[in-house]
Amino acid sequence: MSKDVIHVNGEDRVVREDTAKAYRGVNWMIISLIGFVVIVLIVAATFFMRAASDGEVKSPAAIENSNRR
């Protein structure tokens, strides 16, 4: 069986290749999940800031009446 080295808790460990691939896969999954959450939070914050900064609150009836004119 092929061996590979991974870095865990400040030390290098020699493990099987499939174990090393699984370890790296979990690390990438966590990094990708954190990145996705950060992007969603940025988009949501941008949306809410733009929605809150238009300065005018209209009821749905007022919006509908302004579209009919």
PDB file of N, CA and C in Angstrom:
ATOM      1  N   MET A   1       0.829  -1.192   0.000  1.00  0.00           N
ATOM      2  CA  MET A   1       0.000   0.000   0.000  1.00  0.00           C
ATOM      3  C   MET A   1       0.867   1.246   0.000  1.00  0.00           C
ATOM      4  N   SER A   2       0.370   2.257  -0.656  1.00  0.00           N
ATOM      5  CA  SER A   2       1.074   3.515  -0.741  1.00  0.00           C
ATOM      6  C   SER A   2       0.887   4.324   0.543  1.00  0.00           C
ATOM      7  N   LYS A   3       1.921   5.019   0.942  1.00  0.00           N
ATOM      8  CA  LYS A   3       1.882   5.830   2.162  1.00  0.00           C
ATOM      9  C   LYS A   3       1.959   7.303   1.781  1.00  0.00           C
ATOM     10  N   ASP A   4       1.437   8.159   2.665  1.00  0.00           N
ATOM     11  CA  ASP A   4       1.474   9.599   2.458  1.00  0.00           C
ATOM     12  C   ASP A   4       1.662  10.256   3.816  1.00  0.00           C
ATOM     13  N   VAL A   5       2.118  11.489   3.833  1.00  0.00           N
ATOM     14  CA  VAL A   5       2.372  12.214   5.073  1.00  0.00           C
ATOM     15  C   VAL A   5       1.352  13.336   5.197  1.00  0.00           C
ATOM     16  N   ILE A   6       0.718  13.440   6.378  1.00  0.00           N
ATOM     17  CA  ILE A   6      -0.196  14.544   6.669  1.00  0.00           C
ATOM     18  C   ILE A   6       0.303  15.250   7.923  1.00  0.00           C
ATOM     19  N   HIS A   7      -0.089  16.495   8.058  1.00  0.00           N
ATOM     20  CA  HIS A   7       0.335  17.319   9.195  1.00  0.00           C
ATOM     21  C   HIS A   7      -0.856  17.477  10.131  1.00  0.00           C
ATOM     22  N   VAL A   8      -0.766  16.905  11.349  1.00  0.00           N
ATOM     23  CA  VAL A   8      -1.856  16.930  12.322  1.00  0.00           C
ATOM     24  C   VAL A   8      -1.311  17.402  13.663  1.00  0.00           C
ATOM     25  N   ASN A   9      -1.931  18.434  14.225  1.00  0.00           N
ATOM     26  CA  ASN A   9      -1.561  18.948  15.556  1.00  0.00           C
ATOM     27  C   ASN A   9      -0.068  19.213  15.694  1.00  0.00           C
ATOM     28  N   GLY A  10       0.511  19.800  14.656  1.00  0.00           N
ATOM     29  CA  GLY A  10       1.919  20.177  14.733  1.00  0.00           C
ATOM     30  C   GLY A  10       2.912  19.065  14.476  1.00  0.00           C
ATOM     31  N   GLU A  11       2.463  17.897  14.107  1.00  0.00           N
ATOM     32  CA  GLU A  11       3.397  16.810  13.826  1.00  0.00           C
ATOM     33  C   GLU A  11       3.012  16.128  12.516  1.00  0.00           C
ATOM     34  N   ASP A  12       3.997  15.557  11.878  1.00  0.00           N
ATOM     35  CA  ASP A  12       3.773  14.832  10.633  1.00  0.00           C
ATOM     36  C   ASP A  12       3.457  13.379  10.952  1.00  0.00           C
ATOM     37  N   ARG A  13       2.470  12.852  10.265  1.00  0.00           N
ATOM     38  CA  ARG A  13       2.096  11.449  10.455  1.00  0.00           C
ATOM     39  C   ARG A  13       2.097  10.739   9.105  1.00  0.00           C
ATOM     40  N   VAL A  14       2.592   9.532   9.106  1.00  0.00           N
ATOM     41  CA  VAL A  14       2.586   8.706   7.909  1.00  0.00           C
ATOM     42  C   VAL A  14       1.331   7.837   7.956  1.00  0.00           C
ATOM     43  N   VAL A  15       0.483   7.994   6.941  1.00  0.00           N
ATOM     44  CA  VAL A  15      -0.773   7.252   6.876  1.00  0.00           C
ATOM     45  C   VAL A  15      -0.938   6.676   5.478  1.00  0.00           C
ATOM     46  N   ARG A  16      -1.947   5.831   5.335  1.00  0.00           N
ATOM     47  CA  ARG A  16      -2.246   5.290   4.007  1.00  0.00           C
ATOM     48  C   ARG A  16      -2.720   6.405   3.091  1.00  0.00           C
ATOM     49  N   GLU A  17      -2.570   6.189   1.797  1.00  0.00           N
ATOM     50  CA  GLU A  17      -2.924   7.207   0.808  1.00  0.00           C
ATOM     51  C   GLU A  17      -4.410   7.558   0.863  1.00  0.00           C
ATOM     52  N   ASP A  18      -5.287   6.580   1.025  1.00  0.00           N
ATOM     53  CA  ASP A  18      -6.715   6.872   1.061  1.00  0.00           C
ATOM     54  C   ASP A  18      -7.094   7.669   2.311  1.00  0.00           C
ATOM     55  N   THR A  19      -6.419   7.424   3.414  1.00  0.00           N
ATOM     56  CA  THR A  19      -6.662   8.192   4.636  1.00  0.00           C
ATOM     57  C   THR A  19      -6.214   9.636   4.445  1.00  0.00           C
ATOM     58  N   ALA A  20      -5.074   9.836   3.797  1.00  0.00           N
ATOM     59  CA  ALA A  20      -4.566  11.179   3.539  1.00  0.00           C
ATOM     60  C   ALA A  20      -5.511  11.946   2.608  1.00  0.00           C
ATOM     61  N   LYS A  21      -6.032  11.276   1.585  1.00  0.00           N
ATOM     62  CA  LYS A  21      -6.970  11.928   0.665  1.00  0.00           C
ATOM     63  C   LYS A  21      -8.258  12.315   1.386  1.00  0.00           C
ATOM     64  N   ALA A  22      -8.732  11.447   2.261  1.00  0.00           N
ATOM     65  CA  ALA A  22      -9.939  11.756   3.032  1.00  0.00           C
ATOM     66  C   ALA A  22      -9.694  12.943   3.962  1.00  0.00           C
ATOM     67  N   TYR A  23      -8.531  12.987   4.583  1.00  0.00           N
ATOM     68  CA  TYR A  23      -8.176  14.092   5.483  1.00  0.00           C
ATOM     69  C   TYR A  23      -8.140  15.416   4.709  1.00  0.00           C
ATOM     70  N   ARG A  24      -7.480  15.409   3.564  1.00  0.00           N
ATOM     71  CA  ARG A  24      -7.420  16.633   2.750  1.00  0.00           C
ATOM     72  C   ARG A  24      -8.796  17.005   2.218  1.00  0.00           C
ATOM     73  N   GLY A  25      -9.612  16.018   1.888  1.00  0.00           N
ATOM     74  CA  GLY A  25     -10.963  16.293   1.406  1.00  0.00           C
ATOM     75  C   GLY A  25     -11.823  16.960   2.459  1.00  0.00           C
ATOM     76  N   VAL A  26     -11.710  16.509   3.695  1.00  0.00           N
ATOM     77  CA  VAL A  26     -12.464  17.127   4.792  1.00  0.00           C
ATOM     78  C   VAL A  26     -11.991  18.562   5.009  1.00  0.00           C
ATOM     79  N   ASN A  27     -10.677  18.778   4.943  1.00  0.00           N
ATOM     80  CA  ASN A  27     -10.156  20.142   5.104  1.00  0.00           C
ATOM     81  C   ASN A  27     -10.700  21.067   4.015  1.00  0.00           C
ATOM     82  N   TRP A  28     -10.698  20.616   2.761  1.00  0.00           N
ATOM     83  CA  TRP A  28     -11.220  21.439   1.665  1.00  0.00           C
ATOM     84  C   TRP A  28     -12.715  21.663   1.807  1.00  0.00           C
ATOM     85  N   MET A  29     -13.440  20.678   2.310  1.00  0.00           N
ATOM     86  CA  MET A  29     -14.874  20.837   2.507  1.00  0.00           C
ATOM     87  C   MET A  29     -15.159  21.926   3.538  1.00  0.00           C
ATOM     88  N   ILE A  30     -14.405  21.928   4.619  1.00  0.00           N
ATOM     89  CA  ILE A  30     -14.600  22.945   5.661  1.00  0.00           C
ATOM     90  C   ILE A  30     -14.259  24.332   5.125  1.00  0.00           C
ATOM     91  N   ILE A  31     -13.153  24.453   4.407  1.00  0.00           N
ATOM     92  CA  ILE A  31     -12.760  25.740   3.834  1.00  0.00           C
ATOM     93  C   ILE A  31     -13.808  26.221   2.827  1.00  0.00           C
ATOM     94  N   SER A  32     -14.307  25.324   1.984  1.00  0.00           N
ATOM     95  CA  SER A  32     -15.318  25.695   0.996  1.00  0.00           C
ATOM     96  C   SER A  32     -16.617  26.112   1.661  1.00  0.00           C
ATOM     97  N   LEU A  33     -17.011  25.419   2.700  1.00  0.00           N
ATOM     98  CA  LEU A  33     -18.236  25.762   3.420  1.00  0.00           C
ATOM     99  C   LEU A  33     -18.121  27.134   4.076  1.00  0.00           C
ATOM    100  N   ILE A  34     -16.992  27.420   4.693  1.00  0.00           N
ATOM    101  CA  ILE A  34     -16.777  28.734   5.296  1.00  0.00           C
ATOM    102  C   ILE A  34     -16.802  29.820   4.220  1.00  0.00           C
ATOM    103  N   GLY A  35     -16.163  29.571   3.093  1.00  0.00           N
ATOM    104  CA  GLY A  35     -16.182  30.533   1.985  1.00  0.00           C
ATOM    105  C   GLY A  35     -17.586  30.785   1.476  1.00  0.00           C
ATOM    106  N   PHE A  36     -18.371  29.742   1.334  1.00  0.00           N
ATOM    107  CA  PHE A  36     -19.758  29.880   0.874  1.00  0.00           C
ATOM    108  C   PHE A  36     -20.576  30.720   1.850  1.00  0.00           C
ATOM    109  N   VAL A  37     -20.425  30.444   3.134  1.00  0.00           N
ATOM    110  CA  VAL A  37     -21.168  31.199   4.151  1.00  0.00           C
ATOM    111  C   VAL A  37     -20.762  32.672   4.122  1.00  0.00           C
ATOM    112  N   VAL A  38     -19.472  32.953   3.967  1.00  0.00           N
ATOM    113  CA  VAL A  38     -19.006  34.343   3.908  1.00  0.00           C
ATOM    114  C   VAL A  38     -19.603  35.054   2.692  1.00  0.00           C
ATOM    115  N   ILE A  39     -19.615  34.398   1.549  1.00  0.00           N
ATOM    116  CA  ILE A  39     -20.182  35.007   0.339  1.00  0.00           C
ATOM    117  C   ILE A  39     -21.672  35.265   0.519  1.00  0.00           C
ATOM    118  N   VAL A  40     -22.402  34.317   1.082  1.00  0.00           N
ATOM    119  CA  VAL A  40     -23.841  34.502   1.316  1.00  0.00           C
ATOM    120  C   VAL A  40     -24.084  35.662   2.275  1.00  0.00           C
ATOM    121  N   LEU A  41     -23.278  35.777   3.318  1.00  0.00           N
ATOM    122  CA  LEU A  41     -23.434  36.882   4.265  1.00  0.00           C
ATOM    123  C   LEU A  41     -23.150  38.230   3.605  1.00  0.00           C
ATOM    124  N   ILE A  42     -22.153  38.286   2.745  1.00  0.00           N
ATOM    125  CA  ILE A  42     -21.852  39.533   2.040  1.00  0.00           C
ATOM    126  C   ILE A  42     -22.993  39.925   1.123  1.00  0.00           C
ATOM    127  N   VAL A  43     -23.521  38.964   0.375  1.00  0.00           N
ATOM    128  CA  VAL A  43     -24.646  39.252  -0.529  1.00  0.00           C
ATOM    129  C   VAL A  43     -25.881  39.668   0.261  1.00  0.00           C
ATOM    130  N   ALA A  44     -26.182  38.991   1.356  1.00  0.00           N
ATOM    131  CA  ALA A  44     -27.343  39.330   2.172  1.00  0.00           C
ATOM    132  C   ALA A  44     -27.183  40.716   2.790  1.00  0.00           C
ATOM    133  N   ALA A  45     -25.996  41.030   3.301  1.00  0.00           N
ATOM    134  CA  ALA A  45     -25.764  42.347   3.894  1.00  0.00           C
ATOM    135  C   ALA A  45     -25.907  43.442   2.845  1.00  0.00           C
ATOM    136  N   THR A  46     -25.382  43.195   1.653  1.00  0.00           N
ATOM    137  CA  THR A  46     -25.523  44.169   0.565  1.00  0.00           C
ATOM    138  C   THR A  46     -26.987  44.372   0.213  1.00  0.00           C
ATOM    139  N   PHE A  47     -27.731  43.302   0.108  1.00  0.00           N
ATOM    140  CA  PHE A  47     -29.159  43.400  -0.210  1.00  0.00           C
ATOM    141  C   PHE A  47     -29.905  44.205   0.851  1.00  0.00           C
ATOM    142  N   PHE A  48     -29.682  43.879   2.122  1.00  0.00           N
ATOM    143  CA  PHE A  48     -30.402  44.567   3.194  1.00  0.00           C
ATOM    144  C   PHE A  48     -29.985  46.030   3.304  1.00  0.00           C
ATOM    145  N   MET A  49     -28.725  46.331   3.072  1.00  0.00           N
ATOM    146  CA  MET A  49     -28.281  47.728   3.126  1.00  0.00           C
ATOM    147  C   MET A  49     -28.899  48.534   1.993  1.00  0.00           C
ATOM    148  N   ARG A  50     -28.957  47.965   0.803  1.00  0.00           N
ATOM    149  CA  ARG A  50     -29.583  48.675  -0.323  1.00  0.00           C
ATOM    150  C   ARG A  50     -31.084  48.809  -0.120  1.00  0.00           C
ATOM    151  N   ALA A  51     -31.703  47.787   0.433  1.00  0.00           N
ATOM    152  CA  ALA A  51     -33.150  47.841   0.664  1.00  0.00           C
ATOM    153  C   ALA A  51     -33.484  48.866   1.740  1.00  0.00           C
ATOM    154  N   ALA A  52     -32.620  49.017   2.713  1.00  0.00           N
ATOM    155  CA  ALA A  52     -32.880  49.947   3.809  1.00  0.00           C
ATOM    156  C   ALA A  52     -32.511  51.380   3.465  1.00  0.00           C
ATOM    157  N   SER A  53     -31.743  51.591   2.400  1.00  0.00           N
ATOM    158  CA  SER A  53     -31.238  52.931   2.129  1.00  0.00           C
ATOM    159  C   SER A  53     -31.990  53.663   1.023  1.00  0.00           C
ATOM    160  N   ASP A  54     -33.089  53.119   0.508  1.00  0.00           N
ATOM    161  CA  ASP A  54     -33.786  53.843  -0.556  1.00  0.00           C
ATOM    162  C   ASP A  54     -34.584  55.017   0.005  1.00  0.00           C
ATOM    163  N   GLY A  55     -34.785  55.063   1.316  1.00  0.00           N
ATOM    164  CA  GLY A  55     -35.342  56.226   1.970  1.00  0.00           C
ATOM    165  C   GLY A  55     -36.844  56.342   1.969  1.00  0.00           C
ATOM    166  N   GLU A  56     -37.533  55.478   1.301  1.00  0.00           N
ATOM    167  CA  GLU A  56     -38.981  55.613   1.215  1.00  0.00           C
ATOM    168  C   GLU A  56     -39.633  54.256   1.433  1.00  0.00           C
ATOM    169  N   VAL A  57     -40.612  54.237   2.316  1.00  0.00           N
ATOM    170  CA  VAL A  57     -41.337  53.011   2.591  1.00  0.00           C
ATOM    171  C   VAL A  57     -42.710  53.139   1.953  1.00  0.00           C
ATOM    172  N   LYS A  58     -43.044  52.204   1.071  1.00  0.00           N
ATOM    173  CA  LYS A  58     -44.328  52.224   0.388  1.00  0.00           C
ATOM    174  C   LYS A  58     -45.080  50.944   0.707  1.00  0.00           C
ATOM    175  N   SER A  59     -46.380  51.075   0.780  1.00  0.00           N
ATOM    176  CA  SER A  59     -47.205  49.895   0.954  1.00  0.00           C
ATOM    177  C   SER A  59     -47.373  49.222  -0.404  1.00  0.00           C
ATOM    178  N   PRO A  60     -47.721  47.956  -0.416  1.00  0.00           N
ATOM    179  CA  PRO A  60     -47.940  47.285  -1.697  1.00  0.00           C
ATOM    180  C   PRO A  60     -49.039  47.963  -2.530  1.00  0.00           C
ATOM    181  N   ALA A  61     -50.055  48.505  -1.870  1.00  0.00           N
ATOM    182  CA  ALA A  61     -51.120  49.190  -2.615  1.00  0.00           C
ATOM    183  C   ALA A  61     -50.585  50.443  -3.289  1.00  0.00           C
ATOM    184  N   ALA A  62     -49.726  51.186  -2.627  1.00  0.00           N
ATOM    185  CA  ALA A  62     -49.163  52.394  -3.228  1.00  0.00           C
ATOM    186  C   ALA A  62     -48.277  52.043  -4.421  1.00  0.00           C
ATOM    187  N   ILE A  63     -47.517  50.968  -4.314  1.00  0.00           N
ATOM    188  CA  ILE A  63     -46.672  50.541  -5.431  1.00  0.00           C
ATOM    189  C   ILE A  63     -47.547  50.126  -6.607  1.00  0.00           C
ATOM    190  N   GLU A  64     -48.628  49.410  -6.322  1.00  0.00           N
ATOM    191  CA  GLU A  64     -49.523  48.965  -7.387  1.00  0.00           C
ATOM    192  C   GLU A  64     -50.184  50.158  -8.065  1.00  0.00           C
ATOM    193  N   ASN A  65     -50.610  51.144  -7.293  1.00  0.00           N
ATOM    194  CA  ASN A  65     -51.249  52.322  -7.873  1.00  0.00           C
ATOM    195  C   ASN A  65     -50.259  53.132  -8.707  1.00  0.00           C
ATOM    196  N   SER A  66     -49.004  53.198  -8.304  1.00  0.00           N
ATOM    197  CA  SER A  66     -48.016  53.965  -9.071  1.00  0.00           C
ATOM    198  C   SER A  66     -47.677  53.240 -10.381  1.00  0.00           C
ATOM    199  N   ASN A  67     -47.806  51.926 -10.424  1.00  0.00           N
ATOM    200  CA  ASN A  67     -47.539  51.171 -11.652  1.00  0.00           C
ATOM    201  C   ASN A  67     -48.671  51.308 -12.652  1.00  0.00           C
ATOM    202  N   ARG A  68     -49.876  51.595 -12.214  1.00  0.00           N
ATOM    203  CA  ARG A  68     -51.031  51.692 -13.105  1.00  0.00           C
ATOM    204  C   ARG A  68     -51.049  53.012 -13.861  1.00  0.00           C
ATOM    205  N   ARG A  69     -50.409  54.021 -13.341  1.00  0.00           N
ATOM    206  CA  ARG A  69     -50.450  55.359 -13.967  1.00  0.00           C
ATOM    207  C   ARG A  69     -49.626  55.474 -15.165  1.00  0.00           C
TER     208      ARG A  69
END
